[in-house]
């Protein structure tokens, strides 16, 4: 970094969720604001001038304030709170069009990673492994057109953070499949993504870098303490609901204990996956093994959570990179700019 004190505009979604949040929900609005305040303090200690810029309902006001601030980089922490809204990619596109460097992935990568069936199809076309029986179900009648091999996992096709995943998401019959698909169609107003449920180990692969992309220490999700009636999946409860059995009995082991050959294969798949979708800066690829220990791509998150001491920050810490160093590195990568990206020239002030 140069000696100049770079100005960082830290943006986040200030809209409240349309549904009431449980007090124990660690994925709620209060926790988001706490994380943003913490990130701002850490970035200031790292030598940046930081302005926290919330974005609620008035996009015109947001644009006017961003132009007035003239930041050197926009630290993107915008995350949708309305199911299926898909504004993450639109906000990224807006900031990029205004000419400001942006942390994390560009708009196209964010959009691809949120359209899970589209990204899975793209990855499969590139020769990367996705779970068998991957299908997009838009109507209940579509279920009859496919020959299914149970068990299957049924989830929302345009959400992340475990939204829509619960104890009934792993199905063992066509009746259960129809019931779960019907719930997603009605409750989330989007198609359902159906895939073969893989019974093997599950890994989170953190990635950090721009032109030189590095794999952080691989983490393994440990479901071994879950009771047999709860499926071993990273559901919303397992991620966020601190009073739930899923949350309390699901843990993460980092670094994962892996045979070197399997670790190399998982790392290679994660790198190719992130690059294939156009990811940049930092990300996470979730991979799960089948009954023969073959790895398959479960999910791609181009702008994963930057909560301190968990997820990506945990893997970075194991690699010897503290939280301050991680955030500083993400800003540096944003200033480097994505490969092959064509800018608009100077910011549109």
Protein backbone atom coordinates (compact mmCIF):
# COMPACT_ATOMS: atom_id res chain seq x y z
CA UNK A 1 0.00 0.00 0.00
CA UNK A 2 1.18 3.56 -0.60
CA UNK A 3 1.54 6.11 2.19
CA UNK A 4 -1.69 7.76 1.14
CA UNK A 5 -4.50 7.21 3.63
CA UNK A 6 -7.02 5.56 1.37
CA UNK A 7 -10.67 6.44 1.85
CA UNK A 8 -12.93 3.38 2.16
CA UNK A 9 -16.72 3.57 1.83
CA UNK A 10 -18.12 0.58 3.71
CA UNK A 11 -21.57 -0.16 2.28
CA UNK A 12 -24.22 -2.52 3.62
CA UNK A 13 -27.93 -3.22 3.32
CA UNK A 14 -29.70 -1.17 5.99
CA UNK A 15 -33.18 -2.47 5.13
CA UNK A 16 -34.87 -4.52 7.83
CA UNK A 17 -36.06 -8.02 7.05
CA UNK A 18 -39.72 -8.24 6.03
CA UNK A 19 -40.21 -11.09 8.51
CA UNK A 20 -39.74 -10.81 12.29
CA UNK A 21 -36.30 -11.95 13.49
CA UNK A 22 -35.89 -14.31 16.43
CA UNK A 23 -33.65 -12.95 19.23
CA UNK A 24 -31.34 -15.96 18.88
CA UNK A 25 -30.90 -15.47 15.11
CA UNK A 26 -27.22 -14.73 14.53
CA UNK A 27 -27.96 -13.89 10.89
CA UNK A 28 -30.27 -11.00 11.70
CA UNK A 29 -30.06 -7.24 11.22
CA UNK A 30 -28.63 -6.51 14.68
CA UNK A 31 -25.72 -8.90 14.13
CA UNK A 32 -25.05 -7.39 10.70
CA UNK A 33 -24.80 -3.88 12.11
CA UNK A 34 -22.54 -5.08 14.90
CA UNK A 35 -20.24 -6.69 12.32
CA UNK A 36 -20.19 -3.52 10.19
CA UNK A 37 -19.19 -1.40 13.21
CA UNK A 38 -16.44 -3.88 14.04
CA UNK A 39 -15.15 -3.90 10.47
CA UNK A 40 -15.07 -0.10 10.39
CA UNK A 41 -12.99 0.01 13.60
CA UNK A 42 -10.55 -2.59 12.29
CA UNK A 43 -10.16 -0.83 8.94
CA UNK A 44 -9.45 2.46 10.69
CA UNK A 45 -6.80 0.78 12.85
CA UNK A 46 -5.34 -0.61 9.63
CA UNK A 47 -4.74 2.94 8.44
CA UNK A 48 -7.79 3.65 6.28
CA UNK A 49 -10.20 6.55 6.45
CA UNK A 50 -13.59 4.87 6.67
CA UNK A 51 -17.11 6.10 5.99
CA UNK A 52 -19.96 3.71 6.72
CA UNK A 53 -22.58 4.16 4.02
CA UNK A 54 -25.88 2.31 4.58
CA UNK A 55 -28.18 1.64 1.66
CA UNK A 56 -31.86 1.32 2.48
CA UNK A 57 -34.67 2.23 0.11
CA UNK A 58 -33.41 5.38 -1.60
CA UNK A 59 -30.95 4.49 -4.35
CA UNK A 60 -30.75 8.10 -5.57
CA UNK A 61 -29.59 9.30 -2.16
CA UNK A 62 -27.03 6.49 -2.03
CA UNK A 63 -25.59 7.47 -5.43
CA UNK A 64 -25.45 11.14 -4.48
CA UNK A 65 -23.63 10.40 -1.22
CA UNK A 66 -21.20 8.01 -2.90
CA UNK A 67 -20.31 10.62 -5.54
CA UNK A 68 -19.79 13.23 -2.82
CA UNK A 69 -17.55 10.92 -0.79
CA UNK A 70 -15.29 10.05 -3.76
CA UNK A 71 -13.84 7.00 -2.00
CA UNK A 72 -10.71 5.24 -3.22
CA UNK A 73 -12.48 1.92 -2.80
CA UNK A 74 -15.96 0.67 -1.91
CA UNK A 75 -15.93 -2.17 0.62
CA UNK A 76 -18.97 -4.15 -0.45
CA UNK A 77 -20.95 -5.75 2.37
CA UNK A 78 -24.35 -5.42 0.70
CA UNK A 79 -26.45 -8.54 1.20
CA UNK A 80 -30.08 -9.11 0.26
CA UNK A 81 -32.65 -9.47 3.04
CA UNK A 82 -35.71 -10.00 0.82
CA UNK A 83 -36.05 -13.52 -0.58
CA UNK A 84 -35.16 -13.66 -4.26
CA UNK A 85 -34.45 -9.92 -4.48
CA UNK A 86 -31.06 -10.41 -6.19
CA UNK A 87 -29.95 -6.82 -5.63
CA UNK A 88 -26.43 -7.88 -4.66
CA UNK A 89 -25.34 -8.01 -8.28
CA UNK A 90 -27.22 -4.81 -9.14
CA UNK A 91 -25.54 -2.78 -6.40
CA UNK A 92 -22.15 -4.11 -7.48
CA UNK A 93 -22.95 -3.18 -11.09
CA UNK A 94 -23.98 0.32 -10.01
CA UNK A 95 -20.76 0.92 -8.06
CA UNK A 96 -18.66 -0.43 -10.91
CA UNK A 97 -20.49 1.74 -13.43
CA UNK A 98 -19.82 4.79 -11.25
CA UNK A 99 -16.13 3.97 -11.61
CA UNK A 100 -15.18 3.03 -8.06
CA UNK A 101 -13.02 0.01 -7.22
CA UNK A 102 -15.08 -2.59 -5.37
CA UNK A 103 -14.04 -5.29 -2.94
CA UNK A 104 -14.97 -8.86 -3.73
CA UNK A 105 -16.48 -10.20 -6.90
CA UNK A 106 -17.93 -8.20 -9.79
CA UNK A 107 -21.63 -8.12 -10.55
CA UNK A 108 -21.68 -10.99 -13.04
CA UNK A 109 -20.02 -13.42 -10.63
CA UNK A 110 -22.39 -12.41 -7.84
CA UNK A 111 -25.36 -12.99 -10.10
CA UNK A 112 -24.14 -16.35 -11.37
CA UNK A 113 -23.44 -17.63 -7.86
CA UNK A 114 -26.93 -16.68 -6.70
CA UNK A 115 -28.64 -18.44 -9.63
CA UNK A 116 -27.61 -21.84 -8.35
CA UNK A 117 -28.91 -23.94 -11.23
CA UNK A 118 -27.33 -21.62 -13.79
CA UNK A 119 -23.96 -21.75 -12.04
CA UNK A 120 -24.18 -25.55 -11.64
CA UNK A 121 -24.92 -25.92 -15.35
CA UNK A 122 -22.01 -23.66 -16.23
CA UNK A 123 -19.65 -25.61 -13.99
CA UNK A 124 -20.81 -28.92 -15.41
CA UNK A 125 -20.21 -27.61 -18.91
CA UNK A 126 -16.67 -26.70 -17.87
CA UNK A 127 -16.06 -30.30 -16.79
CA UNK A 128 -16.33 -29.66 -13.06
CA UNK A 129 -18.22 -32.11 -10.80
CA UNK A 130 -21.71 -31.21 -9.60
CA UNK A 131 -24.03 -33.60 -7.72
CA UNK A 132 -26.01 -36.11 -9.82
CA UNK A 133 -29.72 -35.53 -10.40
CA UNK A 134 -29.27 -31.74 -10.40
CA UNK A 135 -32.54 -30.25 -11.64
CA UNK A 136 -34.52 -27.01 -11.48
CA UNK A 137 -38.17 -27.58 -10.58
CA UNK A 138 -40.53 -24.73 -11.49
CA UNK A 139 -43.81 -26.66 -11.18
CA UNK A 140 -44.88 -29.68 -9.15
CA UNK A 141 -45.68 -31.49 -12.40
CA UNK A 142 -42.00 -31.28 -13.43
CA UNK A 143 -41.21 -33.88 -10.77
CA UNK A 144 -42.89 -36.60 -12.82
CA UNK A 145 -40.61 -35.98 -15.80
CA UNK A 146 -37.41 -37.07 -14.04
CA UNK A 147 -36.21 -40.42 -12.77
CA UNK A 148 -35.03 -39.71 -9.25
CA UNK A 149 -32.47 -41.58 -7.15
CA UNK A 150 -33.17 -40.96 -3.48
CA UNK A 151 -32.17 -39.52 -1.09
CA UNK A 152 -32.32 -36.01 -2.55
CA UNK A 153 -31.75 -32.57 -1.10
CA UNK A 154 -34.24 -29.84 -1.99
CA UNK A 155 -33.38 -26.17 -1.57
CA UNK A 156 -34.15 -22.68 -2.81
CA UNK A 157 -32.50 -21.88 -6.14
CA UNK A 158 -31.72 -18.19 -5.53
CA UNK A 159 -30.79 -17.91 -1.84
CA UNK A 160 -27.68 -18.43 0.24
CA UNK A 161 -26.78 -18.57 3.96
CA UNK A 162 -28.84 -21.72 4.43
CA UNK A 163 -32.14 -19.97 3.72
CA UNK A 164 -34.79 -22.59 2.97
CA UNK A 165 -32.74 -25.52 4.27
CA UNK A 166 -34.21 -27.34 7.28
CA UNK A 167 -34.81 -30.80 8.71
CA UNK A 168 -37.20 -31.70 5.87
CA UNK A 169 -34.83 -30.70 3.07
CA UNK A 170 -33.37 -34.20 2.66
CA UNK A 171 -36.15 -36.33 1.17
CA UNK A 172 -36.45 -40.09 0.70
CA UNK A 173 -39.67 -40.37 -1.31
CA UNK A 174 -41.49 -38.68 -4.16
CA UNK A 175 -44.22 -37.55 -1.76
CA UNK A 176 -41.70 -35.79 0.48
CA UNK A 177 -40.04 -34.30 -2.58
CA UNK A 178 -43.32 -32.80 -3.77
CA UNK A 179 -44.09 -31.38 -0.34
CA UNK A 180 -40.73 -29.65 -0.04
CA UNK A 181 -40.82 -28.32 -3.60
CA UNK A 182 -44.35 -26.98 -3.00
CA UNK A 183 -43.13 -25.16 0.12
CA UNK A 184 -40.27 -23.47 -1.74
CA UNK A 185 -42.47 -22.45 -4.67
CA UNK A 186 -45.05 -20.86 -2.37
CA UNK A 187 -42.97 -19.53 0.53
CA UNK A 188 -39.97 -18.25 -1.40
CA UNK A 189 -41.59 -17.53 -4.79
CA UNK A 190 -38.79 -19.18 -6.74
CA UNK A 191 -37.99 -22.55 -8.34
CA UNK A 192 -36.55 -25.35 -6.24
CA UNK A 193 -33.11 -26.82 -6.82
CA UNK A 194 -33.00 -30.60 -6.43
CA UNK A 195 -29.80 -32.66 -6.24
CA UNK A 196 -28.68 -36.08 -5.09
CA UNK A 197 -27.88 -35.96 -1.38
CA UNK A 198 -24.23 -36.89 -0.92
CA UNK A 199 -23.47 -38.88 2.26
CA UNK A 200 -19.77 -38.06 2.62
CA UNK A 201 -17.66 -35.42 4.37
CA UNK A 202 -18.28 -31.72 3.73
CA UNK A 203 -15.61 -29.05 3.28
CA UNK A 204 -15.47 -25.26 3.09
CA UNK A 205 -12.65 -24.01 0.88
CA UNK A 206 -11.74 -20.35 1.43
CA UNK A 207 -10.05 -18.46 -1.40
CA UNK A 208 -8.18 -15.17 -1.25
CA UNK A 209 -6.44 -13.19 -3.95
CA UNK A 210 -6.68 -11.39 -7.24
CA UNK A 211 -4.43 -12.34 -10.10
CA UNK A 212 -2.71 -14.73 -7.71
CA UNK A 213 -5.48 -16.71 -6.03
CA UNK A 214 -4.59 -18.77 -2.96
CA UNK A 215 -6.44 -21.57 -1.20
CA UNK A 216 -6.73 -21.00 2.55
CA UNK A 217 -6.57 -23.93 4.98
CA UNK A 218 -9.52 -26.21 4.21
CA UNK A 219 -12.23 -26.48 6.88
CA UNK A 220 -14.44 -29.50 7.49
CA UNK A 221 -18.01 -29.34 8.80
CA UNK A 222 -18.43 -31.89 11.59
CA UNK A 223 -21.97 -33.28 11.86
CA UNK A 224 -21.01 -36.31 13.95
CA UNK A 225 -22.76 -35.08 17.11
CA UNK A 226 -26.15 -34.53 15.44
CA UNK A 227 -28.92 -36.97 16.43
CA UNK A 228 -29.87 -39.39 13.63
CA UNK A 229 -33.26 -37.74 12.99
CA UNK A 230 -31.57 -34.47 11.93
CA UNK A 231 -29.96 -34.57 8.46
CA UNK A 232 -26.26 -33.62 8.34
CA UNK A 233 -26.60 -30.43 6.30
CA UNK A 234 -25.69 -26.78 6.81
CA UNK A 235 -29.26 -25.62 7.34
CA UNK A 236 -30.31 -22.12 8.38
CA UNK A 237 -30.61 -23.33 11.97
CA UNK A 238 -27.12 -24.84 11.89
CA UNK A 239 -25.69 -21.57 10.61
CA UNK A 240 -27.56 -18.99 12.64
CA UNK A 241 -30.03 -20.19 15.31
CA UNK A 242 -27.88 -20.44 18.44
CA UNK A 243 -30.58 -22.16 20.54
CA UNK A 244 -31.13 -24.96 18.03
CA UNK A 245 -29.75 -28.49 18.24
CA UNK A 246 -28.28 -28.03 14.75
CA UNK A 247 -26.30 -24.95 15.81
CA UNK A 248 -25.07 -26.40 19.08
CA UNK A 249 -24.04 -29.79 17.68
CA UNK A 250 -22.53 -28.75 14.37
CA UNK A 251 -18.93 -27.63 14.46
CA UNK A 252 -16.12 -26.78 12.06
CA UNK A 253 -12.65 -28.31 12.10
CA UNK A 254 -9.94 -26.12 10.61
CA UNK A 255 -7.58 -27.23 9.27
CA UNK A 256 -9.33 -30.38 8.08
CA UNK A 257 -7.44 -33.65 8.35
CA UNK A 258 -7.10 -34.82 4.75
CA UNK A 259 -4.98 -37.14 2.69
CA UNK A 260 -2.62 -34.97 0.59
CA UNK A 261 -4.01 -36.25 -2.71
CA UNK A 262 -7.61 -35.51 -1.72
CA UNK A 263 -6.61 -32.08 -0.39
CA UNK A 264 -4.97 -31.25 -3.72
CA UNK A 265 -8.04 -32.42 -5.65
CA UNK A 266 -10.43 -30.38 -3.49
CA UNK A 267 -8.20 -27.30 -3.76
CA UNK A 268 -7.93 -27.63 -7.54
CA UNK A 269 -11.71 -27.96 -7.93
CA UNK A 270 -12.31 -24.91 -5.73
CA UNK A 271 -9.83 -22.75 -7.66
CA UNK A 272 -11.26 -23.73 -11.05
CA UNK A 273 -14.82 -23.23 -9.80
CA UNK A 274 -14.19 -19.71 -8.51
CA UNK A 275 -12.38 -18.67 -11.68
CA UNK A 276 -15.04 -20.25 -13.89
CA UNK A 277 -17.74 -18.03 -12.37
CA UNK A 278 -15.55 -14.93 -12.54
CA UNK A 279 -14.96 -14.66 -8.79
CA UNK A 280 -12.44 -12.13 -7.53
CA UNK A 281 -10.87 -11.05 -4.25
CA UNK A 282 -12.22 -13.58 -1.80
CA UNK A 283 -14.72 -16.40 -1.83
CA UNK A 284 -15.70 -19.82 -0.61
CA UNK A 285 -16.51 -23.05 -2.40
CA UNK A 286 -18.39 -25.77 -0.52
CA UNK A 287 -17.54 -29.33 -1.52
CA UNK A 288 -18.95 -32.64 -0.37
CA UNK A 289 -17.86 -36.24 -0.95
CA UNK A 290 -20.06 -39.04 -2.22
CA UNK A 291 -20.06 -42.60 -0.90
CA UNK A 292 -16.87 -43.29 -2.90
CA UNK A 293 -15.03 -40.21 -1.56
CA UNK A 294 -15.35 -38.35 -4.84
CA UNK A 295 -15.71 -34.58 -4.40
CA UNK A 296 -18.64 -32.58 -5.82
CA UNK A 297 -19.37 -28.84 -5.75
CA UNK A 298 -22.26 -27.95 -3.45
CA UNK A 299 -22.20 -24.16 -3.55
CA UNK A 300 -20.15 -21.13 -4.55
CA UNK A 301 -20.20 -17.98 -2.44
CA UNK A 302 -18.44 -15.08 -4.13
CA UNK A 303 -18.73 -12.65 -1.21
CA UNK A 304 -18.91 -14.87 1.89
CA UNK A 305 -19.29 -13.59 5.42
CA UNK A 306 -16.33 -11.67 6.84
CA UNK A 307 -17.39 -12.11 10.45
CA UNK A 308 -14.31 -12.21 12.67
CA UNK A 309 -13.05 -15.64 13.82
CA UNK A 310 -15.53 -17.63 11.73
CA UNK A 311 -15.78 -18.88 8.14
CA UNK A 312 -13.24 -17.19 5.87
CA UNK A 313 -11.61 -15.23 8.71
CA UNK A 314 -11.09 -18.48 10.64
CA UNK A 315 -9.30 -20.11 7.71
CA UNK A 316 -7.19 -16.98 7.22
CA UNK A 317 -6.25 -17.01 10.89
CA UNK A 318 -5.10 -20.63 10.63
CA UNK A 319 -2.94 -19.49 7.70
CA UNK A 320 -1.32 -16.88 9.98
CA UNK A 321 -3.36 -13.88 8.81
CA UNK A 322 -5.16 -11.94 11.54
CA UNK A 323 -8.44 -10.10 10.94
CA UNK A 324 -6.80 -6.73 10.32
CA UNK A 325 -4.43 -8.25 7.78
CA UNK A 326 -7.34 -10.00 6.05
CA UNK A 327 -9.41 -6.83 5.61
CA UNK A 328 -6.37 -4.84 4.50
CA UNK A 329 -5.57 -7.53 1.93
CA UNK A 330 -9.13 -7.47 0.56
CA UNK A 331 -8.88 -3.71 0.04
CA UNK A 332 -5.50 -4.07 -1.66
CA UNK A 333 -6.90 -6.70 -4.05
CA UNK A 334 -9.83 -4.39 -4.88
CA UNK A 335 -7.41 -1.61 -5.81
CA UNK A 336 -5.54 -4.10 -7.99
CA UNK A 337 -8.71 -4.62 -10.03
CA UNK A 338 -10.12 -7.77 -11.65
CA UNK A 339 -8.24 -9.31 -14.54
CA UNK A 340 -9.77 -8.51 -17.95
CA UNK A 341 -12.13 -5.95 -16.40
CA UNK A 342 -12.68 -2.89 -18.57
CA UNK A 343 -13.30 0.18 -16.46
CA UNK A 344 -15.26 3.26 -17.44
CA UNK A 345 -12.30 5.57 -16.89
CA UNK A 346 -12.63 8.17 -14.16
CA UNK A 347 -15.42 8.05 -11.54
CA UNK A 348 -18.66 9.75 -12.58
CA UNK A 349 -18.69 12.49 -9.94
